[in-house]
Amino acid sequence: MRYAGRVGREAKKSGLAPEQVRKLAAEGWELRRMIVDEIPDVQALITDLNKVGAAELRMAERAIADSRCVSPATLDRISRRIEEQGPEGTLAQALEGDAREMVEHLVGDGVLTTAEEPRLLSSNGTLTAEGKRRMSRLLTGRLFEDARAFDEAARN
């Protein structure tokens, strides 16, 4: 049942409705077996899914791609953090302090992976320098349609 609970929590990220997963688990379905038994060579699949593509995204491309995945709810939370800084509040100020909740929402949106969290968050929950750069870029990326415009704006 612990497995079913985790699948229920992760269901949204996987495109499944949590209530459907809970119902299946309550009916005694063994979800793991249903999925894994259909894959002829699980290890080959794992290896293939962990291969890096031929080319990494450039910084501007990554920022724009990330920005398009941020949910309206996450944007609202980040906006509130900026507003909490007062009328002269800045994104840099909003990124100070405990950022675990913000990062969790971005993981939930599929913008970040749990594997990236240790590089982005320090042990006390504040953003690392890399985390601040990534957050700043992904929010700035929302303002641009293409990477060339993003790069031009960054130069100016």
Protein backbone atom coordinates (compact mmCIF):
# COMPACT_ATOMS: atom_id res chain seq x y z
CA MET A 1 0.00 0.00 0.00
CA ARG A 2 2.99 2.32 0.57
CA TYR A 3 3.82 1.96 -3.12
CA ALA A 4 0.26 2.88 -4.11
CA GLY A 5 0.42 5.97 -1.90
CA ARG A 6 3.59 7.13 -3.59
CA VAL A 7 2.14 6.44 -7.04
CA GLY A 8 -0.91 8.47 -6.03
CA ARG A 9 1.29 11.43 -5.06
CA GLU A 10 3.35 11.12 -8.21
CA ALA A 11 0.32 10.46 -10.42
CA LYS A 12 -0.11 14.07 -11.51
CA LYS A 13 3.47 14.23 -12.78
CA SER A 14 2.88 11.02 -14.72
CA GLY A 15 -0.34 12.21 -16.31
CA LEU A 16 -2.54 9.95 -14.20
CA ALA A 17 -5.48 11.07 -12.10
CA PRO A 18 -4.60 10.44 -8.41
CA GLU A 19 -8.13 9.29 -7.62
CA GLN A 20 -7.95 6.64 -10.37
CA VAL A 21 -4.66 5.35 -9.00
CA ARG A 22 -6.07 5.17 -5.47
CA LYS A 23 -9.14 3.32 -6.76
CA LEU A 24 -7.00 0.80 -8.62
CA ALA A 25 -4.81 0.31 -5.55
CA ALA A 26 -7.90 -0.19 -3.36
CA GLU A 27 -9.12 -2.84 -5.79
CA GLY A 28 -5.85 -4.69 -5.37
CA TRP A 29 -4.20 -3.86 -8.66
CA GLU A 30 -0.47 -4.25 -8.69
CA LEU A 31 0.44 -1.24 -10.79
CA ARG A 32 4.17 -1.89 -10.86
CA ARG A 33 3.74 -5.39 -12.19
CA MET A 34 1.26 -4.20 -14.83
CA ILE A 35 3.73 -1.69 -16.16
CA VAL A 36 7.01 -3.60 -15.82
CA ASP A 37 5.69 -6.91 -17.18
CA GLU A 38 4.90 -5.18 -20.47
CA ILE A 39 8.54 -4.10 -20.97
CA PRO A 40 10.68 -6.85 -22.50
CA ASP A 41 14.05 -5.52 -21.28
CA VAL A 42 13.69 -3.15 -18.34
CA GLN A 43 17.43 -2.51 -18.01
CA ALA A 44 17.74 -1.55 -21.68
CA LEU A 45 14.84 0.88 -21.24
CA ILE A 46 16.47 2.43 -18.17
CA THR A 47 19.75 2.80 -20.05
CA ASP A 48 18.03 4.38 -23.07
CA LEU A 49 16.06 6.84 -20.94
CA ASN A 50 19.23 7.99 -19.19
CA LYS A 51 21.12 8.80 -22.38
CA VAL A 52 21.88 12.46 -22.90
CA GLY A 53 20.72 13.97 -26.18
CA ALA A 54 23.17 14.92 -28.88
CA ALA A 55 23.17 18.57 -27.88
CA GLU A 56 22.45 20.29 -24.59
CA LEU A 57 20.14 23.29 -24.71
CA ARG A 58 21.85 26.65 -24.68
CA MET A 59 21.19 28.85 -21.64
CA ALA A 60 18.56 30.94 -23.43
CA GLU A 61 16.84 27.88 -24.90
CA ARG A 62 16.74 26.23 -21.45
CA ALA A 63 15.31 29.41 -19.88
CA ILE A 64 12.54 29.68 -22.46
CA ALA A 65 11.74 25.95 -22.32
CA ASP A 66 11.63 26.06 -18.50
CA SER A 67 9.45 29.17 -18.48
CA ARG A 68 6.79 27.53 -20.66
CA CYS A 69 6.35 24.71 -18.15
CA VAL A 70 5.72 26.88 -15.09
CA SER A 71 2.10 26.59 -13.98
CA PRO A 72 -0.03 29.67 -13.28
CA ALA A 73 -0.25 28.58 -9.61
CA THR A 74 3.55 28.52 -9.29
CA LEU A 75 3.80 31.91 -11.01
CA ASP A 76 1.26 33.28 -8.53
CA ARG A 77 3.34 32.00 -5.61
CA ILE A 78 6.50 33.58 -6.99
CA SER A 79 4.64 36.85 -7.65
CA ARG A 80 3.41 36.87 -4.05
CA ARG A 81 7.00 36.42 -2.84
CA ILE A 82 8.00 39.50 -4.84
CA GLU A 83 4.99 41.48 -3.55
CA GLU A 84 5.91 40.53 0.05
CA GLN A 85 9.11 42.52 -0.44
CA GLY A 86 7.08 45.72 -0.70
CA PRO A 87 6.49 48.22 -3.51
CA GLU A 88 10.17 48.22 -4.43
CA GLY A 89 10.46 44.42 -4.21
CA THR A 90 12.67 42.64 -6.69
CA LEU A 91 13.02 39.10 -7.92
CA ALA A 92 16.47 38.94 -6.31
CA GLN A 93 14.90 39.75 -2.93
CA ALA A 94 12.14 37.21 -3.48
CA LEU A 95 14.71 34.51 -4.15
CA GLU A 96 16.29 35.06 -0.72
CA GLY A 97 15.23 32.92 2.24
CA ASP A 98 13.70 29.45 2.28
CA ALA A 99 12.96 28.42 -1.31
CA ARG A 100 12.04 24.76 -0.76
CA GLU A 101 8.34 25.32 -1.45
CA MET A 102 9.09 27.20 -4.67
CA VAL A 103 11.43 24.46 -5.87
CA GLU A 104 8.88 21.76 -4.95
CA HIS A 105 6.28 23.52 -7.10
CA LEU A 106 8.71 23.74 -10.01
CA VAL A 107 9.44 20.01 -9.64
CA GLY A 108 5.68 19.40 -9.63
CA ASP A 109 5.36 21.47 -12.81
CA GLY A 110 8.07 19.36 -14.46
CA VAL A 111 10.42 22.33 -14.81
CA LEU A 112 12.99 20.84 -12.44
CA THR A 113 13.78 17.27 -11.47
CA THR A 114 14.37 15.97 -7.97
CA ALA A 115 17.90 15.12 -9.12
CA GLU A 116 18.57 18.83 -9.67
CA GLU A 117 17.41 19.92 -6.21
CA PRO A 118 20.77 19.37 -4.41
CA ARG A 119 22.51 21.71 -6.88
CA LEU A 120 19.80 24.37 -6.54
CA LEU A 121 19.09 24.29 -2.79
CA SER A 122 21.54 24.54 0.07
CA SER A 123 21.10 22.40 3.19
CA ASN A 124 19.13 25.18 4.93
CA GLY A 125 16.64 25.50 2.04
CA THR A 126 18.01 28.68 0.49
CA LEU A 127 18.86 28.81 -3.19
CA THR A 128 22.47 28.28 -4.18
CA ALA A 129 24.05 30.71 -6.64
CA GLU A 130 23.19 28.25 -9.43
CA GLY A 131 19.63 28.02 -8.12
CA LYS A 132 19.23 31.79 -8.16
CA ARG A 133 20.55 31.99 -11.73
CA ARG A 134 18.23 29.21 -12.89
CA MET A 135 15.15 30.79 -11.24
CA SER A 136 15.98 34.23 -12.59
CA ARG A 137 16.52 32.90 -16.12
CA LEU A 138 13.37 30.80 -16.20
CA LEU A 139 11.24 33.74 -15.09
CA THR A 140 12.96 36.08 -17.55
CA GLY A 141 12.49 33.46 -20.27
CA ARG A 142 8.72 34.04 -20.11
CA LEU A 143 9.28 37.43 -21.71
CA PHE A 144 10.82 36.05 -24.92
CA GLU A 145 9.58 34.05 -27.87
CA ASP A 146 12.98 32.89 -29.07
CA ALA A 147 16.49 32.37 -27.78
CA ARG A 148 18.05 34.99 -30.08
CA ALA A 149 15.94 37.77 -28.52
CA PHE A 150 16.80 36.48 -25.03
CA ASP A 151 20.52 36.50 -25.85
CA GLU A 152 20.32 40.04 -27.32
CA ALA A 153 18.56 41.35 -24.22
CA ALA A 154 21.14 39.69 -21.95
CA ARG A 155 23.96 41.45 -23.83
CA ASN A 156 22.34 44.87 -23.36
